[in-house]
Amino acid sequence: MIAYYPFNGNANDESGNGHHGKVNGATLALDRFGRSQEAYQFDGNTNYIIISHHEDIDFGDSDEATVSLWVKPSRFQKSNGILSKYQSNGSNGYVLRLVDESGGLEWGPLARQSSYGISADNALQLLKWQHVVLVHDKGSSDLYLDAEMLARGPNRWSKNEDDLTIGRDYTEGSELNRLFAGSIDDVRIYNRALSAEEVKSLYGFEKP
């Protein structure tokens, strides 16, 4: 694990690697266990958390990586970013975002060619905590929801020098600035691809 954000009163990285986040308007809220100030809530208008670019959290198609987080949407909005390290102009990086108003998700580099993105319809539910995991390896990019694999697609992540943002799909110098409404907690980033069994174990360990 190369970054871990339990959001227990702040946006510090508790992996020991120093990738601390800067909070922009997001407020501390109840987590999925009902504990106060143990998750962050985003208003969908101005709130996000930003983590400065570092090679540790920058992955290309030859790299293995896993991103794990808990999400509770308060409303669905098209193309609103949950987590993004992404340059839309060059289809670079990686992003997880809502694809439509029905709770569908898409992830991967998503610009220019629709084949770059992978989608899962009606994935999330409103006002419910769910565990979302992206597993990226040399052969595929997989989406898990509450320990079940929903979809598999090609591996097309690529490196860039953008910052990592939580709660926003954003590219510097672009009009793209789409913000998530809801709560996010326990963001974990690994520099390897977790197995299906490991994803299941992580869900079992973290679920309320």
C-alpha atoms as a PDB file:
ATOM      1  CA  MET A   1       0.000   0.000   0.000  1.00  0.00           C
ATOM      2  CA  ILE A   2       1.491   3.319  -1.070  1.00  0.00           C
ATOM      3  CA  ALA A   3      -1.261   5.684   0.112  1.00  0.00           C
ATOM      4  CA  TYR A   4      -4.058   5.352   2.673  1.00  0.00           C
ATOM      5  CA  TYR A   5      -6.637   7.986   3.598  1.00  0.00           C
ATOM      6  CA  PRO A   6      -8.858   6.846   6.514  1.00  0.00           C
ATOM      7  CA  PHE A   7     -10.158  10.439   6.850  1.00  0.00           C
ATOM      8  CA  ASN A   8     -10.116  10.221  10.638  1.00  0.00           C
ATOM      9  CA  GLY A   9     -10.259  13.963  11.217  1.00  0.00           C
ATOM     10  CA  ASN A  10      -8.026  15.002   8.319  1.00  0.00           C
ATOM     11  CA  ALA A  11      -6.860  14.010   4.823  1.00  0.00           C
ATOM     12  CA  ASN A  12      -3.416  12.750   5.851  1.00  0.00           C
ATOM     13  CA  ASP A  13      -1.820   9.727   4.216  1.00  0.00           C
ATOM     14  CA  GLU A  14      -1.391   7.088   6.923  1.00  0.00           C
ATOM     15  CA  SER A  15       0.647   4.698   4.774  1.00  0.00           C
ATOM     16  CA  GLY A  16       3.805   6.439   5.980  1.00  0.00           C
ATOM     17  CA  ASN A  17       4.697   7.681   2.473  1.00  0.00           C
ATOM     18  CA  GLY A  18       3.699  11.302   3.049  1.00  0.00           C
ATOM     19  CA  HIS A  19       1.156  11.780   0.233  1.00  0.00           C
ATOM     20  CA  HIS A  20      -1.058  14.044   2.327  1.00  0.00           C
ATOM     21  CA  GLY A  21      -4.203  15.558   0.851  1.00  0.00           C
ATOM     22  CA  LYS A  22      -5.320  19.191   0.893  1.00  0.00           C
ATOM     23  CA  VAL A  23      -9.015  19.657   1.676  1.00  0.00           C
ATOM     24  CA  ASN A  24     -10.940  22.200  -0.390  1.00  0.00           C
ATOM     25  CA  GLY A  25     -14.343  22.691   1.209  1.00  0.00           C
ATOM     26  CA  ALA A  26     -15.155  19.040   1.941  1.00  0.00           C
ATOM     27  CA  THR A  27     -16.469  18.555   5.469  1.00  0.00           C
ATOM     28  CA  LEU A  28     -15.953  15.749   7.975  1.00  0.00           C
ATOM     29  CA  ALA A  29     -19.009  13.543   8.335  1.00  0.00           C
ATOM     30  CA  LEU A  30     -20.301  10.228   9.695  1.00  0.00           C
ATOM     31  CA  ASP A  31     -18.622   7.144   8.291  1.00  0.00           C
ATOM     32  CA  ARG A  32     -20.369   3.862   7.465  1.00  0.00           C
ATOM     33  CA  PHE A  33     -20.099   2.764  11.117  1.00  0.00           C
ATOM     34  CA  GLY A  34     -21.842   5.928  12.346  1.00  0.00           C
ATOM     35  CA  ARG A  35     -18.663   7.450  13.763  1.00  0.00           C
ATOM     36  CA  SER A  36     -18.507  11.241  13.596  1.00  0.00           C
ATOM     37  CA  GLN A  37     -15.759  13.043  11.665  1.00  0.00           C
ATOM     38  CA  GLU A  38     -14.442   9.791  10.165  1.00  0.00           C
ATOM     39  CA  ALA A  39     -15.318  10.368   6.483  1.00  0.00           C
ATOM     40  CA  TYR A  40     -15.508  13.352   4.107  1.00  0.00           C
ATOM     41  CA  GLN A  41     -18.685  14.731   2.589  1.00  0.00           C
ATOM     42  CA  PHE A  42     -18.666  16.535  -0.781  1.00  0.00           C
ATOM     43  CA  ASP A  43     -21.403  18.985  -1.852  1.00  0.00           C
ATOM     44  CA  GLY A  44     -21.139  18.430  -5.622  1.00  0.00           C
ATOM     45  CA  ASN A  45     -20.437  22.124  -6.216  1.00  0.00           C
ATOM     46  CA  THR A  46     -17.083  23.248  -4.835  1.00  0.00           C
ATOM     47  CA  ASN A  47     -15.717  20.447  -2.612  1.00  0.00           C
ATOM     48  CA  TYR A  48     -12.766  18.187  -3.357  1.00  0.00           C
ATOM     49  CA  ILE A  49      -9.467  16.903  -1.953  1.00  0.00           C
ATOM     50  CA  ILE A  50      -6.239  17.257  -3.915  1.00  0.00           C
ATOM     51  CA  ILE A  51      -3.052  15.184  -3.582  1.00  0.00           C
ATOM     52  CA  SER A  52       0.080  16.432  -5.280  1.00  0.00           C
ATOM     53  CA  HIS A  53       1.453  14.415  -8.185  1.00  0.00           C
ATOM     54  CA  HIS A  54       4.048  11.818  -7.266  1.00  0.00           C
ATOM     55  CA  GLU A  55       5.458   8.917  -9.257  1.00  0.00           C
ATOM     56  CA  ASP A  56       4.249   6.518  -6.535  1.00  0.00           C
ATOM     57  CA  ILE A  57       0.616   7.142  -7.499  1.00  0.00           C
ATOM     58  CA  ASP A  58       1.223   7.496 -11.248  1.00  0.00           C
ATOM     59  CA  PHE A  59       0.496   4.281 -13.174  1.00  0.00           C
ATOM     60  CA  GLY A  60       0.916   3.259 -16.806  1.00  0.00           C
ATOM     61  CA  ASP A  61      -0.288   0.286 -18.798  1.00  0.00           C
ATOM     62  CA  SER A  62       2.731  -1.815 -17.785  1.00  0.00           C
ATOM     63  CA  ASP A  63       2.159  -1.201 -14.062  1.00  0.00           C
ATOM     64  CA  GLU A  64       0.038  -3.056 -11.561  1.00  0.00           C
ATOM     65  CA  ALA A  65      -2.163  -1.023  -9.232  1.00  0.00           C
ATOM     66  CA  THR A  66      -5.284  -1.197  -7.084  1.00  0.00           C
ATOM     67  CA  VAL A  67      -7.516   1.646  -5.889  1.00  0.00           C
ATOM     68  CA  SER A  68     -10.003   0.856  -3.109  1.00  0.00           C
ATOM     69  CA  LEU A  69     -12.532   3.240  -1.548  1.00  0.00           C
ATOM     70  CA  TRP A  70     -15.935   3.440   0.113  1.00  0.00           C
ATOM     71  CA  VAL A  71     -18.536   5.655  -1.567  1.00  0.00           C
ATOM     72  CA  LYS A  72     -22.026   6.899  -0.582  1.00  0.00           C
ATOM     73  CA  PRO A  73     -23.598   9.139  -3.263  1.00  0.00           C
ATOM     74  CA  SER A  74     -26.220  11.697  -2.210  1.00  0.00           C
ATOM     75  CA  ARG A  75     -27.237  12.394  -5.815  1.00  0.00           C
ATOM     76  CA  PHE A  76     -26.278  11.166  -9.266  1.00  0.00           C
ATOM     77  CA  GLN A  77     -24.896  13.602 -11.814  1.00  0.00           C
ATOM     78  CA  LYS A  78     -23.456  12.786 -15.219  1.00  0.00           C
ATOM     79  CA  SER A  79     -19.650  12.603 -15.461  1.00  0.00           C
ATOM     80  CA  ASN A  80     -19.039  13.612 -11.851  1.00  0.00           C
ATOM     81  CA  GLY A  81     -15.639  12.454 -10.663  1.00  0.00           C
ATOM     82  CA  ILE A  82     -15.152  10.236  -7.623  1.00  0.00           C
ATOM     83  CA  LEU A  83     -11.378   9.913  -8.031  1.00  0.00           C
ATOM     84  CA  SER A  84      -9.260  11.283 -10.864  1.00  0.00           C
ATOM     85  CA  LYS A  85      -5.652  11.531 -12.030  1.00  0.00           C
ATOM     86  CA  TYR A  86      -6.473  12.350 -15.581  1.00  0.00           C
ATOM     87  CA  GLN A  87      -5.629  14.533 -18.588  1.00  0.00           C
ATOM     88  CA  SER A  88      -8.683  14.640 -20.823  1.00  0.00           C
ATOM     89  CA  ASN A  89      -6.885  16.166 -23.804  1.00  0.00           C
ATOM     90  CA  GLY A  90      -4.489  13.253 -24.088  1.00  0.00           C
ATOM     91  CA  SER A  91      -6.647  10.429 -22.714  1.00  0.00           C
ATOM     92  CA  ASN A  92      -3.963   9.937 -20.076  1.00  0.00           C
ATOM     93  CA  GLY A  93      -4.089   8.767 -16.495  1.00  0.00           C
ATOM     94  CA  TYR A  94      -6.998   7.117 -14.716  1.00  0.00           C
ATOM     95  CA  VAL A  95     -10.396   8.192 -13.441  1.00  0.00           C
ATOM     96  CA  LEU A  96     -13.439   6.752 -11.659  1.00  0.00           C
ATOM     97  CA  ARG A  97     -16.656   8.691 -12.209  1.00  0.00           C
ATOM     98  CA  LEU A  98     -20.417   8.511 -12.564  1.00  0.00           C
ATOM     99  CA  VAL A  99     -21.432   7.974 -16.169  1.00  0.00           C
ATOM    100  CA  ASP A 100     -25.091   8.994 -15.880  1.00  0.00           C
ATOM    101  CA  GLU A 101     -27.979   9.789 -13.540  1.00  0.00           C
ATOM    102  CA  SER A 102     -28.750   6.105 -12.879  1.00  0.00           C
ATOM    103  CA  GLY A 103     -25.662   5.312 -10.800  1.00  0.00           C
ATOM    104  CA  GLY A 104     -23.587   3.837 -13.616  1.00  0.00           C
ATOM    105  CA  LEU A 105     -19.804   3.972 -13.259  1.00  0.00           C
ATOM    106  CA  GLU A 106     -16.999   4.338 -15.770  1.00  0.00           C
ATOM    107  CA  TRP A 107     -13.254   4.203 -15.279  1.00  0.00           C
ATOM    108  CA  GLY A 108      -9.976   4.260 -17.172  1.00  0.00           C
ATOM    109  CA  PRO A 109      -8.762   6.948 -19.592  1.00  0.00           C
ATOM    110  CA  LEU A 110     -12.061   8.084 -21.083  1.00  0.00           C
ATOM    111  CA  ALA A 111     -11.513  10.821 -23.680  1.00  0.00           C
ATOM    112  CA  ARG A 112     -11.566  10.617 -27.476  1.00  0.00           C
ATOM    113  CA  GLN A 113     -12.347   6.933 -27.896  1.00  0.00           C
ATOM    114  CA  SER A 114     -15.264   5.367 -26.073  1.00  0.00           C
ATOM    115  CA  SER A 115     -13.405   2.054 -26.117  1.00  0.00           C
ATOM    116  CA  TYR A 116     -10.919   3.503 -23.643  1.00  0.00           C
ATOM    117  CA  GLY A 117     -13.549   3.674 -20.934  1.00  0.00           C
ATOM    118  CA  ILE A 118     -15.184   0.734 -19.240  1.00  0.00           C
ATOM    119  CA  SER A 119     -18.661   1.093 -17.792  1.00  0.00           C
ATOM    120  CA  ALA A 120     -20.997  -0.739 -15.441  1.00  0.00           C
ATOM    121  CA  ASP A 121     -24.662   0.299 -15.525  1.00  0.00           C
ATOM    122  CA  ASN A 122     -26.698   0.945 -12.369  1.00  0.00           C
ATOM    123  CA  ALA A 123     -23.759   0.122 -10.132  1.00  0.00           C
ATOM    124  CA  LEU A 124     -24.134   2.526  -7.219  1.00  0.00           C
ATOM    125  CA  GLN A 125     -27.178   3.133  -5.031  1.00  0.00           C
ATOM    126  CA  LEU A 126     -28.154   6.452  -3.522  1.00  0.00           C
ATOM    127  CA  LEU A 127     -27.445   7.000   0.183  1.00  0.00           C
ATOM    128  CA  LYS A 128     -25.791   3.604   0.584  1.00  0.00           C
ATOM    129  CA  TRP A 129     -22.160   2.931   1.461  1.00  0.00           C
ATOM    130  CA  GLN A 130     -20.548   0.659  -1.146  1.00  0.00           C
ATOM    131  CA  HIS A 131     -17.028  -0.642  -1.595  1.00  0.00           C
ATOM    132  CA  VAL A 132     -15.530   0.165  -5.011  1.00  0.00           C
ATOM    133  CA  VAL A 133     -12.238  -1.388  -6.119  1.00  0.00           C
ATOM    134  CA  LEU A 134     -10.334  -0.891  -9.388  1.00  0.00           C
ATOM    135  CA  VAL A 135      -7.748  -3.599 -10.082  1.00  0.00           C
ATOM    136  CA  HIS A 136      -5.331  -2.767 -12.871  1.00  0.00           C
ATOM    137  CA  ASP A 137      -2.719  -5.215 -14.138  1.00  0.00           C
ATOM    138  CA  LYS A 138      -0.786  -5.910 -17.307  1.00  0.00           C
ATOM    139  CA  GLY A 139      -3.737  -7.621 -18.974  1.00  0.00           C
ATOM    140  CA  SER A 140      -6.961  -6.026 -17.778  1.00  0.00           C
ATOM    141  CA  SER A 141      -8.688  -3.364 -15.705  1.00  0.00           C
ATOM    142  CA  ASP A 142     -11.430  -4.709 -13.438  1.00  0.00           C
ATOM    143  CA  LEU A 143     -14.199  -3.096 -11.389  1.00  0.00           C
ATOM    144  CA  TYR A 144     -15.386  -4.688  -8.136  1.00  0.00           C
ATOM    145  CA  LEU A 145     -18.399  -3.563  -6.135  1.00  0.00           C
ATOM    146  CA  ASP A 146     -18.866  -5.012  -2.644  1.00  0.00           C
ATOM    147  CA  ALA A 147     -16.385  -7.804  -3.486  1.00  0.00           C
ATOM    148  CA  GLU A 148     -18.167  -8.827  -6.728  1.00  0.00           C
ATOM    149  CA  MET A 149     -16.481  -8.186 -10.076  1.00  0.00           C
ATOM    150  CA  LEU A 150     -18.904  -6.167 -12.214  1.00  0.00           C
ATOM    151  CA  ALA A 151     -16.888  -5.668 -15.374  1.00  0.00           C
ATOM    152  CA  ARG A 152     -13.536  -6.290 -17.033  1.00  0.00           C
ATOM    153  CA  GLY A 153     -11.919  -4.202 -19.738  1.00  0.00           C
ATOM    154  CA  PRO A 154      -8.604  -3.600 -21.467  1.00  0.00           C
ATOM    155  CA  ASN A 155      -5.642  -2.089 -19.672  1.00  0.00           C
ATOM    156  CA  ARG A 156      -5.082   1.418 -21.026  1.00  0.00           C
ATOM    157  CA  TRP A 157      -3.965   3.493 -18.071  1.00  0.00           C
ATOM    158  CA  SER A 158      -1.110   5.885 -18.752  1.00  0.00           C
ATOM    159  CA  LYS A 159       1.163   8.187 -16.816  1.00  0.00           C
ATOM    160  CA  ASN A 160       0.794  11.963 -16.457  1.00  0.00           C
ATOM    161  CA  GLU A 161       1.878  14.735 -14.103  1.00  0.00           C
ATOM    162  CA  ASP A 162      -1.598  15.762 -12.927  1.00  0.00           C
ATOM    163  CA  ASP A 163      -2.461  15.864  -9.262  1.00  0.00           C
ATOM    164  CA  LEU A 164      -4.751  13.195  -7.859  1.00  0.00           C
ATOM    165  CA  THR A 165      -8.162  14.554  -6.873  1.00  0.00           C
ATOM    166  CA  ILE A 166     -10.843  12.923  -4.728  1.00  0.00           C
ATOM    167  CA  GLY A 167     -14.407  14.106  -5.323  1.00  0.00           C
ATOM    168  CA  ARG A 168     -13.689  15.766  -8.673  1.00  0.00           C
ATOM    169  CA  ASP A 169     -13.011  14.982 -12.331  1.00  0.00           C
ATOM    170  CA  TYR A 170     -10.642  17.769 -13.254  1.00  0.00           C
ATOM    171  CA  THR A 171      -7.934  18.746 -15.705  1.00  0.00           C
ATOM    172  CA  GLU A 172      -5.824  21.869 -15.213  1.00  0.00           C
ATOM    173  CA  GLY A 173      -6.540  24.464 -17.893  1.00  0.00           C
ATOM    174  CA  SER A 174      -9.702  22.684 -19.022  1.00  0.00           C
ATOM    175  CA  GLU A 175     -13.390  23.408 -18.520  1.00  0.00           C
ATOM    176  CA  LEU A 176     -13.686  19.898 -17.076  1.00  0.00           C
ATOM    177  CA  ASN A 177     -14.525  20.355 -13.399  1.00  0.00           C
ATOM    178  CA  ARG A 178     -17.266  17.944 -12.386  1.00  0.00           C
ATOM    179  CA  LEU A 179     -17.726  17.339  -8.697  1.00  0.00           C
ATOM    180  CA  PHE A 180     -19.117  14.437  -6.698  1.00  0.00           C
ATOM    181  CA  ALA A 181     -22.019  14.785  -4.261  1.00  0.00           C
ATOM    182  CA  GLY A 182     -21.884  12.383  -1.341  1.00  0.00           C
ATOM    183  CA  SER A 183     -19.393  10.848   1.085  1.00  0.00           C
ATOM    184  CA  ILE A 184     -16.091   9.030   0.546  1.00  0.00           C
ATOM    185  CA  ASP A 185     -13.973   7.104   3.043  1.00  0.00           C
ATOM    186  CA  ASP A 186     -10.970   4.787   3.392  1.00  0.00           C
ATOM    187  CA  VAL A 187      -9.188   5.441   0.111  1.00  0.00           C
ATOM    188  CA  ARG A 188      -6.363   2.942  -0.384  1.00  0.00           C
ATOM    189  CA  ILE A 189      -3.860   2.843  -3.262  1.00  0.00           C
ATOM    190  CA  TYR A 190      -1.616  -0.182  -3.858  1.00  0.00           C
ATOM    191  CA  ASN A 191       1.245  -0.619  -6.330  1.00  0.00           C
ATOM    192  CA  ARG A 192       0.131  -4.150  -7.187  1.00  0.00           C
ATOM    193  CA  ALA A 193      -2.997  -5.860  -8.458  1.00  0.00           C
ATOM    194  CA  LEU A 194      -4.995  -7.418  -5.630  1.00  0.00           C
ATOM    195  CA  SER A 195      -6.420 -10.849  -6.375  1.00  0.00           C
ATOM    196  CA  ALA A 196     -10.169 -11.500  -6.295  1.00  0.00           C
ATOM    197  CA  GLU A 197      -9.702 -13.251  -2.964  1.00  0.00           C
ATOM    198  CA  GLU A 198      -7.803 -10.276  -1.539  1.00  0.00           C
ATOM    199  CA  VAL A 199     -10.552  -7.894  -2.682  1.00  0.00           C
ATOM    200  CA  LYS A 200     -13.106 -10.119  -0.959  1.00  0.00           C
ATOM    201  CA  SER A 201     -11.014 -10.211   2.228  1.00  0.00           C
ATOM    202  CA  LEU A 202     -10.590  -6.429   2.228  1.00  0.00           C
ATOM    203  CA  TYR A 203     -14.341  -5.983   1.863  1.00  0.00           C
ATOM    204  CA  GLY A 204     -14.960  -8.424   4.704  1.00  0.00           C
ATOM    205  CA  PHE A 205     -12.466  -6.591   6.897  1.00  0.00           C
ATOM    206  CA  GLU A 206     -13.871  -3.100   6.205  1.00  0.00           C
ATOM    207  CA  LYS A 207     -17.622  -3.617   5.796  1.00  0.00           C
ATOM    208  CA  PRO A 208     -19.962  -2.311   8.540  1.00  0.00           C
END
